[in-house]
PDB file of N, CA and C in Angstrom:
ATOM      1  N   MET A   1     117.651  69.077 110.216  1.00  0.00           N
ATOM      2  CA  MET A   1     119.297  68.877 110.872  1.00  0.00           C
ATOM      3  C   MET A   1     119.792  67.242 110.067  1.00  0.00           C
ATOM      4  N   GLY A   2     119.046  66.227 110.071  1.00  0.00           N
ATOM      5  CA  GLY A   2     119.274  65.132 110.132  1.00  0.00           C
ATOM      6  C   GLY A   2     120.592  64.453 110.942  1.00  0.00           C
ATOM      7  N   GLY A   3     121.515  64.104 110.493  1.00  0.00           N
ATOM      8  CA  GLY A   3     122.355  63.536 111.608  1.00  0.00           C
ATOM      9  C   GLY A   3     123.365  64.517 111.785  1.00  0.00           C
ATOM     10  N   ASP A   4     123.634  65.349 111.975  1.00  0.00           N
ATOM     11  CA  ASP A   4     123.985  66.221 112.455  1.00  0.00           C
ATOM     12  C   ASP A   4     123.930  66.433 114.131  1.00  0.00           C
ATOM     13  N   TYR A   5     125.564  66.847 114.688  1.00  0.00           N
ATOM     14  CA  TYR A   5     125.456  66.385 116.117  1.00  0.00           C
ATOM     15  C   TYR A   5     126.191  67.697 116.143  1.00  0.00           C
ATOM     16  N   VAL A   6     126.113  68.236 117.377  1.00  0.00           N
ATOM     17  CA  VAL A   6     127.570  69.176 117.795  1.00  0.00           C
ATOM     18  C   VAL A   6     127.889  68.297 119.415  1.00  0.00           C
ATOM     19  N   PHE A   7     129.311  68.121 119.596  1.00  0.00           N
ATOM     20  CA  PHE A   7     129.570  67.758 121.045  1.00  0.00           C
ATOM     21  C   PHE A   7     130.015  68.640 121.423  1.00  0.00           C
ATOM     22  N   ASP A   8     129.810  68.735 122.857  1.00  0.00           N
ATOM     23  CA  ASP A   8     130.603  70.015 123.985  1.00  0.00           C
ATOM     24  C   ASP A   8     131.329  69.188 124.410  1.00  0.00           C
ATOM     25  N   ALA A   9     133.019  69.531 124.334  1.00  0.00           N
ATOM     26  CA  ALA A   9     134.088  68.281 124.465  1.00  0.00           C
ATOM     27  C   ALA A   9     133.996  68.542 126.099  1.00  0.00           C
ATOM     28  N   LYS A  10     134.333  70.060 126.585  1.00  0.00           N
ATOM     29  CA  LYS A  10     134.574  70.505 127.526  1.00  0.00           C
ATOM     30  C   LYS A  10     133.784  69.949 128.785  1.00  0.00           C
ATOM     31  N   ASN A  11     132.633  70.122 127.951  1.00  0.00           N
ATOM     32  CA  ASN A  11     131.199  69.513 129.153  1.00  0.00           C
ATOM     33  C   ASN A  11     130.870  68.335 129.400  1.00  0.00           C
ATOM     34  N   GLY A  12     131.096  67.693 128.152  1.00  0.00           N
ATOM     35  CA  GLY A  12     130.894  66.403 127.886  1.00  0.00           C
ATOM     36  C   GLY A  12     129.153  65.800 127.395  1.00  0.00           C
ATOM     37  N   ILE A  13     128.947  66.692 126.554  1.00  0.00           N
ATOM     38  CA  ILE A  13     127.794  67.063 126.405  1.00  0.00           C
ATOM     39  C   ILE A  13     126.959  67.009 124.842  1.00  0.00           C
ATOM     40  N   MET A  14     126.045  66.291 124.518  1.00  0.00           N
ATOM     41  CA  MET A  14     125.450  65.918 122.600  1.00  0.00           C
ATOM     42  C   MET A  14     124.526  66.616 122.657  1.00  0.00           C
ATOM     43  N   HIS A  15     124.716  67.305 121.389  1.00  0.00           N
ATOM     44  CA  HIS A  15     123.390  68.066 121.165  1.00  0.00           C
ATOM     45  C   HIS A  15     123.289  67.506 119.458  1.00  0.00           C
ATOM     46  N   VAL A  16     121.820  67.166 119.612  1.00  0.00           N
ATOM     47  CA  VAL A  16     121.344  66.869 118.447  1.00  0.00           C
ATOM     48  C   VAL A  16     120.183  67.626 118.046  1.00  0.00           C
ATOM     49  N   PHE A  17     120.015  67.995 116.859  1.00  0.00           N
ATOM     50  CA  PHE A  17     119.050  68.824 116.383  1.00  0.00           C
ATOM     51  C   PHE A  17     117.771  68.618 115.605  1.00  0.00           C
ATOM     52  N   TYR A  18     116.329  68.861 115.328  1.00  0.00           N
ATOM     53  CA  TYR A  18     115.276  68.467 114.762  1.00  0.00           C
ATOM     54  C   TYR A  18     114.737  69.762 114.476  1.00  0.00           C
ATOM     55  N   LYS A  19     114.128  70.026 112.992  1.00  0.00           N
ATOM     56  CA  LYS A  19     113.775  70.902 112.454  1.00  0.00           C
ATOM     57  C   LYS A  19     111.768  70.380 112.775  1.00  0.00           C
ATOM     58  N   ALA A  20     111.658  71.193 113.709  1.00  0.00           N
ATOM     59  CA  ALA A  20     110.143  70.929 114.064  1.00  0.00           C
ATOM     60  C   ALA A  20     109.042  71.306 113.108  1.00  0.00           C
ATOM     61  N   GLU A  21     107.791  70.603 113.261  1.00  0.00           N
ATOM     62  CA  GLU A  21     106.841  71.869 113.008  1.00  0.00           C
ATOM     63  C   GLU A  21     105.639  71.667 113.600  1.00  0.00           C
ATOM     64  N   PRO A  22     105.188  72.583 114.233  1.00  0.00           N
ATOM     65  CA  PRO A  22     103.933  72.073 115.332  1.00  0.00           C
ATOM     66  C   PRO A  22     102.838  71.382 115.090  1.00  0.00           C
ATOM     67  N   MET A  23     102.104  71.073 115.927  1.00  0.00           N
ATOM     68  CA  MET A  23     100.719  70.034 115.591  1.00  0.00           C
ATOM     69  C   MET A  23      99.934  70.839 116.104  1.00  0.00           C
ATOM     70  N   LEU A  24      99.677  71.666 116.763  1.00  0.00           N
ATOM     71  CA  LEU A  24      98.104  72.455 116.828  1.00  0.00           C
ATOM     72  C   LEU A  24      99.148  74.159 117.139  1.00  0.00           C
ATOM     73  N   ASP A  25      98.023  74.847 117.401  1.00  0.00           N
ATOM     74  CA  ASP A  25      98.031  76.213 117.734  1.00  0.00           C
ATOM     75  C   ASP A  25      98.206  76.305 119.518  1.00  0.00           C
ATOM     76  N   ILE A  26      99.057  76.218 120.112  1.00  0.00           N
ATOM     77  CA  ILE A  26      98.850  76.758 122.247  1.00  0.00           C
ATOM     78  C   ILE A  26      97.755  77.615 122.390  1.00  0.00           C
ATOM     79  N   SER A  27      98.068  78.725 121.175  1.00  0.00           N
ATOM     80  CA  SER A  27      97.886  79.952 121.717  1.00  0.00           C
ATOM     81  C   SER A  27      96.065  80.165 122.361  1.00  0.00           C
ATOM     82  N   ARG A  28      95.700  79.270 121.551  1.00  0.00           N
ATOM     83  CA  ARG A  28      93.909  78.871 121.902  1.00  0.00           C
ATOM     84  C   ARG A  28      93.953  78.333 123.093  1.00  0.00           C
ATOM     85  N   LEU A  29      94.959  77.295 123.828  1.00  0.00           N
ATOM     86  CA  LEU A  29      94.575  76.839 125.115  1.00  0.00           C
ATOM     87  C   LEU A  29      94.246  77.815 126.628  1.00  0.00           C
ATOM     88  N   THR A  30      93.182  77.478 126.758  1.00  0.00           N
ATOM     89  CA  THR A  30      93.991  77.957 129.011  1.00  0.00           C
ATOM     90  C   THR A  30      94.712  77.416 129.456  1.00  0.00           C
ATOM     91  N   GLY A  31      94.621  78.191 130.275  1.00  0.00           N
ATOM     92  CA  GLY A  31      96.232  77.808 131.519  1.00  0.00           C
ATOM     93  C   GLY A  31      96.237  76.664 131.785  1.00  0.00           C
ATOM     94  N   SER A  32      95.045  75.681 132.303  1.00  0.00           N
ATOM     95  CA  SER A  32      95.238  74.477 132.919  1.00  0.00           C
ATOM     96  C   SER A  32      94.820  73.786 131.579  1.00  0.00           C
ATOM     97  N   GLN A  33      94.553  73.846 130.226  1.00  0.00           N
ATOM     98  CA  GLN A  33      94.615  73.100 128.950  1.00  0.00           C
ATOM     99  C   GLN A  33      96.212  73.377 128.736  1.00  0.00           C
ATOM    100  N   TYR A  34      96.842  74.055 128.862  1.00  0.00           N
ATOM    101  CA  TYR A  34      98.451  74.138 128.887  1.00  0.00           C
ATOM    102  C   TYR A  34      99.221  73.704 129.383  1.00  0.00           C
ATOM    103  N   VAL A  35      98.687  73.757 130.911  1.00  0.00           N
ATOM    104  CA  VAL A  35      99.388  72.690 131.492  1.00  0.00           C
ATOM    105  C   VAL A  35      99.396  71.346 131.308  1.00  0.00           C
ATOM    106  N   GLY A  36      98.361  70.648 131.434  1.00  0.00           N
ATOM    107  CA  GLY A  36      98.137  69.278 130.955  1.00  0.00           C
ATOM    108  C   GLY A  36      99.020  69.462 129.520  1.00  0.00           C
ATOM    109  N   LEU A  37      99.156  69.785 128.387  1.00  0.00           N
ATOM    110  CA  LEU A  37     100.050  69.726 127.019  1.00  0.00           C
ATOM    111  C   LEU A  37     101.076  69.557 128.117  1.00  0.00           C
ATOM    112  N   PHE A  38     101.405  70.344 128.481  1.00  0.00           N
ATOM    113  CA  PHE A  38     103.056  70.399 128.923  1.00  0.00           C
ATOM    114  C   PHE A  38     103.142  69.246 129.825  1.00  0.00           C
ATOM    115  N   ASP A  39     102.465  68.945 130.569  1.00  0.00           N
ATOM    116  CA  ASP A  39     102.830  67.877 131.403  1.00  0.00           C
ATOM    117  C   ASP A  39     102.519  66.384 130.759  1.00  0.00           C
ATOM    118  N   GLU A  40     102.114  65.985 129.507  1.00  0.00           N
ATOM    119  CA  GLU A  40     102.006  65.249 128.714  1.00  0.00           C
ATOM    120  C   GLU A  40     103.371  64.971 128.014  1.00  0.00           C
ATOM    121  N   LEU A  41     103.320  65.622 127.242  1.00  0.00           N
ATOM    122  CA  LEU A  41     104.880  66.271 126.325  1.00  0.00           C
ATOM    123  C   LEU A  41     105.987  65.858 127.394  1.00  0.00           C
ATOM    124  N   ILE A  42     106.215  66.107 128.876  1.00  0.00           N
ATOM    125  CA  ILE A  42     107.117  65.553 129.152  1.00  0.00           C
ATOM    126  C   ILE A  42     107.284  64.405 129.917  1.00  0.00           C
ATOM    127  N   ARG A  43     106.288  63.728 129.793  1.00  0.00           N
ATOM    128  CA  ARG A  43     105.755  62.377 130.197  1.00  0.00           C
ATOM    129  C   ARG A  43     105.979  61.425 128.801  1.00  0.00           C
ATOM    130  N   ARG A  44     106.254  61.957 128.022  1.00  0.00           N
ATOM    131  CA  ARG A  44     105.903  61.004 126.391  1.00  0.00           C
ATOM    132  C   ARG A  44     107.824  61.019 126.376  1.00  0.00           C
ATOM    133  N   LEU A  45     108.083  62.345 126.616  1.00  0.00           N
ATOM    134  CA  LEU A  45     109.646  62.444 126.301  1.00  0.00           C
ATOM    135  C   LEU A  45     110.253  61.576 127.412  1.00  0.00           C
ATOM    136  N   ASN A  46     110.066  60.724 128.437  1.00  0.00           N
ATOM    137  CA  ASN A  46     111.044  59.966 129.217  1.00  0.00           C
ATOM    138  C   ASN A  46     112.369  60.390 129.261  1.00  0.00           C
ATOM    139  N   LEU A  47     112.286  61.570 129.295  1.00  0.00           N
ATOM    140  CA  LEU A  47     114.178  62.241 129.640  1.00  0.00           C
ATOM    141  C   LEU A  47     114.382  61.446 130.465  1.00  0.00           C
ATOM    142  N   GLY A  48     115.906  60.814 130.594  1.00  0.00           N
ATOM    143  CA  GLY A  48     116.861  60.152 131.755  1.00  0.00           C
ATOM    144  C   GLY A  48     117.273  61.586 132.198  1.00  0.00           C
ATOM    145  N   VAL A  49     118.354  60.751 133.569  1.00  0.00           N
ATOM    146  CA  VAL A  49     118.610  61.633 134.325  1.00  0.00           C
ATOM    147  C   VAL A  49     119.737  62.427 133.681  1.00  0.00           C
ATOM    148  N   ASN A  50     120.495  62.258 132.778  1.00  0.00           N
ATOM    149  CA  ASN A  50     121.329  62.924 131.914  1.00  0.00           C
ATOM    150  C   ASN A  50     120.956  63.346 130.525  1.00  0.00           C
ATOM    151  N   GLU A  51     119.487  64.399 130.349  1.00  0.00           N
ATOM    152  CA  GLU A  51     119.200  64.223 129.228  1.00  0.00           C
ATOM    153  C   GLU A  51     118.269  65.514 129.523  1.00  0.00           C
ATOM    154  N   ALA A  52     118.360  66.413 128.400  1.00  0.00           N
ATOM    155  CA  ALA A  52     117.161  67.547 128.923  1.00  0.00           C
ATOM    156  C   ALA A  52     116.498  67.650 126.900  1.00  0.00           C
ATOM    157  N   VAL A  53     115.937  68.420 126.565  1.00  0.00           N
ATOM    158  CA  VAL A  53     114.973  69.503 125.678  1.00  0.00           C
ATOM    159  C   VAL A  53     114.819  70.552 125.955  1.00  0.00           C
ATOM    160  N   ALA A  54     115.343  70.525 124.713  1.00  0.00           N
ATOM    161  CA  ALA A  54     115.252  72.616 124.639  1.00  0.00           C
ATOM    162  C   ALA A  54     113.998  72.387 123.500  1.00  0.00           C
ATOM    163  N   PHE A  55     112.830  73.767 123.194  1.00  0.00           N
ATOM    164  CA  PHE A  55     112.258  73.924 121.878  1.00  0.00           C
ATOM    165  C   PHE A  55     112.897  75.632 121.553  1.00  0.00           C
ATOM    166  N   ILE A  56     113.371  75.803 120.391  1.00  0.00           N
ATOM    167  CA  ILE A  56     114.496  76.748 119.843  1.00  0.00           C
ATOM    168  C   ILE A  56     113.511  77.424 118.622  1.00  0.00           C
ATOM    169  N   ARG A  57     112.960  78.586 119.062  1.00  0.00           N
ATOM    170  CA  ARG A  57     112.726  79.175 117.307  1.00  0.00           C
ATOM    171  C   ARG A  57     113.199  80.416 117.230  1.00  0.00           C
ATOM    172  N   LEU A  58     113.752  80.442 116.027  1.00  0.00           N
ATOM    173  CA  LEU A  58     114.233  81.634 115.141  1.00  0.00           C
ATOM    174  C   LEU A  58     113.490  81.799 114.077  1.00  0.00           C
ATOM    175  N   GLY A  59     112.932  83.050 114.237  1.00  0.00           N
ATOM    176  CA  GLY A  59     112.095  83.771 112.632  1.00  0.00           C
ATOM    177  C   GLY A  59     110.682  82.737 112.912  1.00  0.00           C
ATOM    178  N   SER A  60     110.604  82.586 111.962  1.00  0.00           N
ATOM    179  CA  SER A  60     109.397  81.365 111.681  1.00  0.00           C
ATOM    180  C   SER A  60     109.685  79.880 112.170  1.00  0.00           C
ATOM    181  N   ASP A  61     111.153  79.586 112.051  1.00  0.00           N
ATOM    182  CA  ASP A  61     111.422  78.006 111.919  1.00  0.00           C
ATOM    183  C   ASP A  61     111.686  77.811 113.342  1.00  0.00           C
ATOM    184  N   ARG A  62     111.371  76.351 113.527  1.00  0.00           N
ATOM    185  CA  ARG A  62     111.317  75.608 114.766  1.00  0.00           C
ATOM    186  C   ARG A  62     111.942  74.602 115.000  1.00  0.00           C
ATOM    187  N   PHE A  63     113.084  74.279 116.123  1.00  0.00           N
ATOM    188  CA  PHE A  63     113.813  73.107 116.372  1.00  0.00           C
ATOM    189  C   PHE A  63     113.531  72.759 117.763  1.00  0.00           C
ATOM    190  N   ILE A  64     113.904  71.575 117.801  1.00  0.00           N
ATOM    191  CA  ILE A  64     113.896  70.806 119.336  1.00  0.00           C
ATOM    192  C   ILE A  64     115.286  70.589 119.440  1.00  0.00           C
ATOM    193  N   ARG A  65     116.099  70.918 120.624  1.00  0.00           N
ATOM    194  CA  ARG A  65     117.531  69.929 120.411  1.00  0.00           C
ATOM    195  C   ARG A  65     117.502  69.290 121.844  1.00  0.00           C
ATOM    196  N   LEU A  66     117.961  68.252 121.681  1.00  0.00           N
ATOM    197  CA  LEU A  66     118.204  67.078 122.279  1.00  0.00           C
ATOM    198  C   LEU A  66     119.088  66.638 123.014  1.00  0.00           C
ATOM    199  N   SER A  67     120.001  66.684 124.306  1.00  0.00           N
ATOM    200  CA  SER A  67     121.038  67.109 125.249  1.00  0.00           C
ATOM    201  C   SER A  67     121.185  65.677 125.412  1.00  0.00           C
ATOM    202  N   ARG A  68     122.621  65.528 125.885  1.00  0.00           N
ATOM    203  CA  ARG A  68     122.643  64.381 126.796  1.00  0.00           C
ATOM    204  C   ARG A  68     124.298  64.411 127.161  1.00  0.00           C
ATOM    205  N   VAL A  69     124.262  63.893 128.673  1.00  0.00           N
ATOM    206  CA  VAL A  69     125.643  64.044 128.959  1.00  0.00           C
ATOM    207  C   VAL A  69     126.064  62.818 128.555  1.00  0.00           C
ATOM    208  N   VAL A  70     127.452  62.407 127.965  1.00  0.00           N
ATOM    209  CA  VAL A  70     127.935  61.313 127.244  1.00  0.00           C
ATOM    210  C   VAL A  70     129.383  61.264 127.676  1.00  0.00           C
ATOM    211  N   LYS A  71     129.836  60.169 127.702  1.00  0.00           N
ATOM    212  CA  LYS A  71     131.481  59.973 127.847  1.00  0.00           C
ATOM    213  C   LYS A  71     132.492  60.616 126.918  1.00  0.00           C
ATOM    214  N   SER A  72     131.887  59.997 126.021  1.00  0.00           N
ATOM    215  CA  SER A  72     132.829  60.496 124.408  1.00  0.00           C
ATOM    216  C   SER A  72     132.052  60.511 123.558  1.00  0.00           C
ATOM    217  N   GLU A  73     132.654  61.280 122.309  1.00  0.00           N
ATOM    218  CA  GLU A  73     131.805  61.512 121.344  1.00  0.00           C
ATOM    219  C   GLU A  73     131.628  60.307 120.762  1.00  0.00           C
ATOM    220  N   GLY A  74     131.837  59.165 120.718  1.00  0.00           N
ATOM    221  CA  GLY A  74     131.605  57.947 120.729  1.00  0.00           C
ATOM    222  C   GLY A  74     129.985  57.111 121.060  1.00  0.00           C
ATOM    223  N   ASP A  75     129.666  57.712 121.805  1.00  0.00           N
ATOM    224  CA  ASP A  75     128.401  57.958 122.244  1.00  0.00           C
ATOM    225  C   ASP A  75     127.061  57.895 121.350  1.00  0.00           C
ATOM    226  N   LEU A  76     127.796  58.803 120.148  1.00  0.00           N
ATOM    227  CA  LEU A  76     126.390  59.530 119.476  1.00  0.00           C
ATOM    228  C   LEU A  76     125.518  58.437 118.914  1.00  0.00           C
ATOM    229  N   PRO A  77     125.566  56.954 118.565  1.00  0.00           N
ATOM    230  CA  PRO A  77     124.605  56.453 117.751  1.00  0.00           C
ATOM    231  C   PRO A  77     123.914  56.014 118.511  1.00  0.00           C
ATOM    232  N   ASP A  78     124.327  56.038 120.214  1.00  0.00           N
ATOM    233  CA  ASP A  78     123.224  55.742 121.263  1.00  0.00           C
ATOM    234  C   ASP A  78     121.937  57.113 121.023  1.00  0.00           C
ATOM    235  N   LEU A  79     122.459  57.927 121.201  1.00  0.00           N
ATOM    236  CA  LEU A  79     121.493  59.610 121.042  1.00  0.00           C
ATOM    237  C   LEU A  79     121.080  59.678 119.843  1.00  0.00           C
ATOM    238  N   ASN A  80     121.446  59.279 118.547  1.00  0.00           N
ATOM    239  CA  ASN A  80     120.848  59.192 117.292  1.00  0.00           C
ATOM    240  C   ASN A  80     119.450  58.322 117.740  1.00  0.00           C
ATOM    241  N   ASN A  81     119.295  57.386 118.337  1.00  0.00           N
ATOM    242  CA  ASN A  81     118.300  56.600 118.442  1.00  0.00           C
ATOM    243  C   ASN A  81     117.096  56.664 118.901  1.00  0.00           C
ATOM    244  N   CYS A  82     117.114  57.973 120.180  1.00  0.00           N
ATOM    245  CA  CYS A  82     116.391  58.255 120.243  1.00  0.00           C
ATOM    246  C   CYS A  82     114.836  59.071 119.746  1.00  0.00           C
TER     247      CYS A  82
END
């Protein structure tokens, strides 16, 4: 989805969407392996206080939404550098 974004002016939240491809099949992981993978993902994302990530599946397509609370729509270049 490239440089496209959505700015929620009411809440001051900028959303950037990325198309994602799975790197591995998590359906074969055990409970403890899944928890370890999730913990590693959260650690690597290194999200700030005003940031959130969401994983979205629409049919066979997978997307990632990165959201950040911003002061204005002008803060977008900073979000695109993530």
